[in-house]
Amino acid sequence: MNVGTVIQLSQQAVWTVALLAGPLLLVGLLVGLVVSILQATTQINEQTLTFLPKMAAVLVAGVVFGPWMLTQLIDFTRGLIINMPGWVR
């Protein structure tokens, strides 16, 4: 296994992590932004008002995007396992 292969695997791993975390983080960001705008306009500064909607939205996004995320993770892992004999030589 040479340095180029290790760098390529690292890049693929980082890309896979970003791809899997992206939808959940984006949903949390958008819900947090909407709640912050609502808090600013109504001048309600309640801490749980920001936390609970974000948590619920990320949970729903996890259920919606879960099968796709699992497929991506399985494909990445399958590629690692299939190509492993070629890297060990």
N, C-alpha and C. Protein backbone atom coordinates (compact mmCIF):
# COMPACT_ATOMS: atom_id res chain seq x y z
N MET A 1 0.86 -1.17 0.00
CA MET A 1 0.00 0.00 0.00
C MET A 1 0.90 1.23 0.00
N ASN A 2 0.75 2.05 -1.01
CA ASN A 2 1.61 3.22 -1.10
C ASN A 2 0.89 4.47 -0.58
N VAL A 3 1.60 5.56 -0.58
CA VAL A 3 1.07 6.80 -0.02
C VAL A 3 -0.12 7.32 -0.82
N GLY A 4 -0.07 7.16 -2.13
CA GLY A 4 -1.17 7.63 -2.97
C GLY A 4 -2.48 6.91 -2.66
N THR A 5 -2.38 5.62 -2.40
CA THR A 5 -3.58 4.85 -2.06
C THR A 5 -4.15 5.28 -0.73
N VAL A 6 -3.28 5.52 0.23
CA VAL A 6 -3.73 5.97 1.55
C VAL A 6 -4.40 7.34 1.45
N ILE A 7 -3.84 8.23 0.67
CA ILE A 7 -4.43 9.56 0.50
C ILE A 7 -5.78 9.45 -0.20
N GLN A 8 -5.87 8.60 -1.22
CA GLN A 8 -7.13 8.42 -1.93
C GLN A 8 -8.20 7.84 -1.00
N LEU A 9 -7.84 6.85 -0.19
CA LEU A 9 -8.80 6.28 0.77
C LEU A 9 -9.25 7.31 1.80
N SER A 10 -8.30 8.12 2.24
CA SER A 10 -8.65 9.17 3.21
C SER A 10 -9.60 10.18 2.60
N GLN A 11 -9.35 10.56 1.37
CA GLN A 11 -10.25 11.50 0.69
C GLN A 11 -11.64 10.91 0.51
N GLN A 12 -11.71 9.65 0.13
CA GLN A 12 -13.01 9.00 -0.01
C GLN A 12 -13.75 8.90 1.32
N ALA A 13 -13.01 8.63 2.39
CA ALA A 13 -13.63 8.53 3.71
C ALA A 13 -14.17 9.88 4.17
N VAL A 14 -13.39 10.93 3.97
CA VAL A 14 -13.84 12.27 4.36
C VAL A 14 -15.05 12.69 3.52
N TRP A 15 -15.02 12.39 2.22
CA TRP A 15 -16.15 12.73 1.36
C TRP A 15 -17.41 11.97 1.77
N THR A 16 -17.25 10.71 2.13
CA THR A 16 -18.40 9.92 2.57
C THR A 16 -18.98 10.46 3.86
N VAL A 17 -18.13 10.83 4.79
CA VAL A 17 -18.61 11.41 6.06
C VAL A 17 -19.34 12.72 5.81
N ALA A 18 -18.79 13.56 4.94
CA ALA A 18 -19.45 14.84 4.62
C ALA A 18 -20.79 14.61 3.92
N LEU A 19 -20.83 13.62 3.05
CA LEU A 19 -22.06 13.30 2.33
C LEU A 19 -23.13 12.77 3.27
N LEU A 20 -22.73 11.97 4.25
CA LEU A 20 -23.69 11.41 5.20
C LEU A 20 -24.16 12.44 6.22
N ALA A 21 -23.28 13.31 6.66
CA ALA A 21 -23.65 14.29 7.69
C ALA A 21 -24.34 15.52 7.10
N GLY A 22 -24.13 15.76 5.81
CA GLY A 22 -24.65 16.96 5.18
C GLY A 22 -26.14 17.19 5.30
N PRO A 23 -26.97 16.22 4.94
CA PRO A 23 -28.42 16.46 5.02
C PRO A 23 -28.90 16.77 6.43
N LEU A 24 -28.38 16.05 7.42
CA LEU A 24 -28.80 16.28 8.80
C LEU A 24 -28.35 17.66 9.30
N LEU A 25 -27.12 18.01 8.96
CA LEU A 25 -26.62 19.32 9.38
C LEU A 25 -27.36 20.46 8.67
N LEU A 26 -27.67 20.26 7.41
CA LEU A 26 -28.40 21.29 6.66
C LEU A 26 -29.80 21.50 7.21
N VAL A 27 -30.48 20.42 7.54
CA VAL A 27 -31.82 20.54 8.13
C VAL A 27 -31.74 21.24 9.48
N GLY A 28 -30.78 20.87 10.30
CA GLY A 28 -30.61 21.53 11.60
C GLY A 28 -30.30 23.02 11.45
N LEU A 29 -29.48 23.34 10.45
CA LEU A 29 -29.14 24.73 10.19
C LEU A 29 -30.36 25.54 9.76
N LEU A 30 -31.13 24.98 8.84
CA LEU A 30 -32.30 25.71 8.34
C LEU A 30 -33.36 25.90 9.43
N VAL A 31 -33.61 24.86 10.22
CA VAL A 31 -34.59 24.99 11.31
C VAL A 31 -34.09 25.97 12.36
N GLY A 32 -32.81 25.93 12.67
CA GLY A 32 -32.25 26.89 13.62
C GLY A 32 -32.36 28.32 13.13
N LEU A 33 -32.15 28.51 11.84
CA LEU A 33 -32.27 29.85 11.26
C LEU A 33 -33.71 30.36 11.33
N VAL A 34 -34.66 29.50 10.99
CA VAL A 34 -36.07 29.90 11.04
C VAL A 34 -36.48 30.22 12.48
N VAL A 35 -36.08 29.39 13.43
CA VAL A 35 -36.43 29.62 14.83
C VAL A 35 -35.77 30.90 15.33
N SER A 36 -34.54 31.15 14.94
CA SER A 36 -33.85 32.39 15.34
C SER A 36 -34.55 33.63 14.80
N ILE A 37 -35.01 33.56 13.55
CA ILE A 37 -35.73 34.69 12.97
C ILE A 37 -37.04 34.92 13.71
N LEU A 38 -37.74 33.81 14.03
CA LEU A 38 -38.98 33.95 14.79
C LEU A 38 -38.73 34.51 16.19
N GLN A 39 -37.66 34.09 16.82
CA GLN A 39 -37.33 34.63 18.14
C GLN A 39 -36.97 36.10 18.06
N ALA A 40 -36.27 36.49 17.02
CA ALA A 40 -35.89 37.89 16.88
C ALA A 40 -37.10 38.78 16.62
N THR A 41 -38.05 38.27 15.85
CA THR A 41 -39.22 39.09 15.53
C THR A 41 -40.20 39.17 16.69
N THR A 42 -40.30 38.09 17.47
CA THR A 42 -41.24 38.10 18.60
C THR A 42 -40.58 38.45 19.92
N GLN A 43 -39.26 38.55 19.95
CA GLN A 43 -38.48 38.87 21.14
C GLN A 43 -38.69 37.86 22.26
N ILE A 44 -38.88 36.60 21.89
CA ILE A 44 -38.97 35.51 22.86
C ILE A 44 -37.60 34.85 22.91
N ASN A 45 -36.97 34.86 24.07
CA ASN A 45 -35.63 34.28 24.21
C ASN A 45 -35.69 33.05 25.11
N GLU A 46 -36.31 32.01 24.64
CA GLU A 46 -36.41 30.77 25.38
C GLU A 46 -35.40 29.78 24.82
N GLN A 47 -34.59 29.17 25.69
CA GLN A 47 -33.53 28.27 25.25
C GLN A 47 -34.10 26.98 24.63
N THR A 48 -35.16 26.44 25.23
CA THR A 48 -35.70 25.19 24.71
C THR A 48 -36.39 25.40 23.36
N LEU A 49 -36.77 26.61 23.05
CA LEU A 49 -37.42 26.89 21.78
C LEU A 49 -36.46 26.69 20.61
N THR A 50 -35.18 26.86 20.84
CA THR A 50 -34.21 26.62 19.76
C THR A 50 -33.79 25.16 19.70
N PHE A 51 -33.75 24.50 20.84
CA PHE A 51 -33.22 23.14 20.89
C PHE A 51 -34.22 22.09 20.42
N LEU A 52 -35.43 22.14 20.90
CA LEU A 52 -36.42 21.10 20.60
C LEU A 52 -36.81 21.02 19.12
N PRO A 53 -37.09 22.13 18.45
CA PRO A 53 -37.42 22.01 17.00
C PRO A 53 -36.26 21.46 16.17
N LYS A 54 -35.03 21.86 16.51
CA LYS A 54 -33.87 21.35 15.78
C LYS A 54 -33.72 19.86 16.00
N MET A 55 -33.90 19.43 17.24
CA MET A 55 -33.77 18.02 17.54
C MET A 55 -34.84 17.20 16.81
N ALA A 56 -36.06 17.70 16.80
CA ALA A 56 -37.14 17.00 16.11
C ALA A 56 -36.91 16.97 14.60
N ALA A 57 -36.44 18.08 14.03
CA ALA A 57 -36.20 18.14 12.59
C ALA A 57 -35.07 17.21 12.17
N VAL A 58 -34.01 17.14 12.97
CA VAL A 58 -32.90 16.24 12.65
C VAL A 58 -33.35 14.79 12.78
N LEU A 59 -34.21 14.49 13.74
CA LEU A 59 -34.74 13.14 13.88
C LEU A 59 -35.58 12.76 12.66
N VAL A 60 -36.44 13.67 12.22
CA VAL A 60 -37.26 13.40 11.03
C VAL A 60 -36.36 13.26 9.79
N ALA A 61 -35.36 14.12 9.67
CA ALA A 61 -34.44 14.02 8.54
C ALA A 61 -33.67 12.70 8.58
N GLY A 62 -33.33 12.23 9.77
CA GLY A 62 -32.66 10.94 9.89
C GLY A 62 -33.53 9.80 9.42
N VAL A 63 -34.83 9.89 9.71
CA VAL A 63 -35.75 8.86 9.25
C VAL A 63 -35.93 8.94 7.72
N VAL A 64 -36.02 10.16 7.20
CA VAL A 64 -36.23 10.33 5.76
C VAL A 64 -34.98 9.95 4.97
N PHE A 65 -33.83 10.45 5.39
CA PHE A 65 -32.58 10.21 4.66
C PHE A 65 -31.86 8.94 5.10
N GLY A 66 -32.35 8.27 6.13
CA GLY A 66 -31.68 7.09 6.68
C GLY A 66 -31.39 5.99 5.68
N PRO A 67 -32.38 5.56 4.89
CA PRO A 67 -32.08 4.49 3.92
C PRO A 67 -31.01 4.88 2.90
N TRP A 68 -31.06 6.11 2.43
CA TRP A 68 -30.05 6.57 1.48
C TRP A 68 -28.67 6.63 2.14
N MET A 69 -28.62 7.12 3.37
CA MET A 69 -27.35 7.20 4.09
C MET A 69 -26.77 5.80 4.33
N LEU A 70 -27.62 4.87 4.69
CA LEU A 70 -27.17 3.50 4.92
C LEU A 70 -26.65 2.87 3.63
N THR A 71 -27.30 3.14 2.52
CA THR A 71 -26.84 2.62 1.23
C THR A 71 -25.46 3.18 0.88
N GLN A 72 -25.27 4.47 1.11
CA GLN A 72 -23.96 5.07 0.82
C GLN A 72 -22.87 4.46 1.69
N LEU A 73 -23.17 4.26 2.96
CA LEU A 73 -22.20 3.69 3.89
C LEU A 73 -21.88 2.23 3.53
N ILE A 74 -22.88 1.48 3.15
CA ILE A 74 -22.66 0.08 2.75
C ILE A 74 -21.83 0.01 1.48
N ASP A 75 -22.10 0.89 0.51
CA ASP A 75 -21.32 0.91 -0.72
C ASP A 75 -19.85 1.23 -0.46
N PHE A 76 -19.61 2.19 0.42
CA PHE A 76 -18.23 2.56 0.76
C PHE A 76 -17.52 1.39 1.45
N THR A 77 -18.20 0.78 2.40
CA THR A 77 -17.59 -0.34 3.13
C THR A 77 -17.37 -1.54 2.22
N ARG A 78 -18.32 -1.81 1.35
CA ARG A 78 -18.17 -2.92 0.40
C ARG A 78 -16.96 -2.67 -0.50
N GLY A 79 -16.78 -1.44 -0.96
CA GLY A 79 -15.63 -1.11 -1.79
C GLY A 79 -14.31 -1.31 -1.04
N LEU A 80 -14.29 -0.96 0.24
CA LEU A 80 -13.08 -1.19 1.04
C LEU A 80 -12.77 -2.67 1.16
N ILE A 81 -13.79 -3.45 1.48
CA ILE A 81 -13.56 -4.88 1.70
C ILE A 81 -13.17 -5.59 0.41
N ILE A 82 -13.81 -5.24 -0.70
CA ILE A 82 -13.50 -5.89 -1.98
C ILE A 82 -12.08 -5.55 -2.43
N ASN A 83 -11.64 -4.31 -2.24
CA ASN A 83 -10.32 -3.89 -2.72
C ASN A 83 -9.19 -4.16 -1.73
N MET A 84 -9.51 -4.63 -0.55
CA MET A 84 -8.48 -4.83 0.46
C MET A 84 -7.38 -5.83 0.06
N PRO A 85 -7.69 -6.97 -0.58
CA PRO A 85 -6.61 -7.88 -0.98
C PRO A 85 -5.59 -7.24 -1.93
N GLY A 86 -6.03 -6.34 -2.79
CA GLY A 86 -5.12 -5.67 -3.70
C GLY A 86 -4.21 -4.68 -3.00
N TRP A 87 -4.65 -4.11 -1.90
CA TRP A 87 -3.83 -3.14 -1.17
C TRP A 87 -2.80 -3.79 -0.28
N VAL A 88 -3.09 -4.98 0.19
CA VAL A 88 -2.21 -5.64 1.16
C VAL A 88 -0.93 -6.16 0.48
N ARG A 89 -1.01 -6.54 -0.78
CA ARG A 89 0.16 -7.09 -1.46
C ARG A 89 1.33 -6.16 -1.49
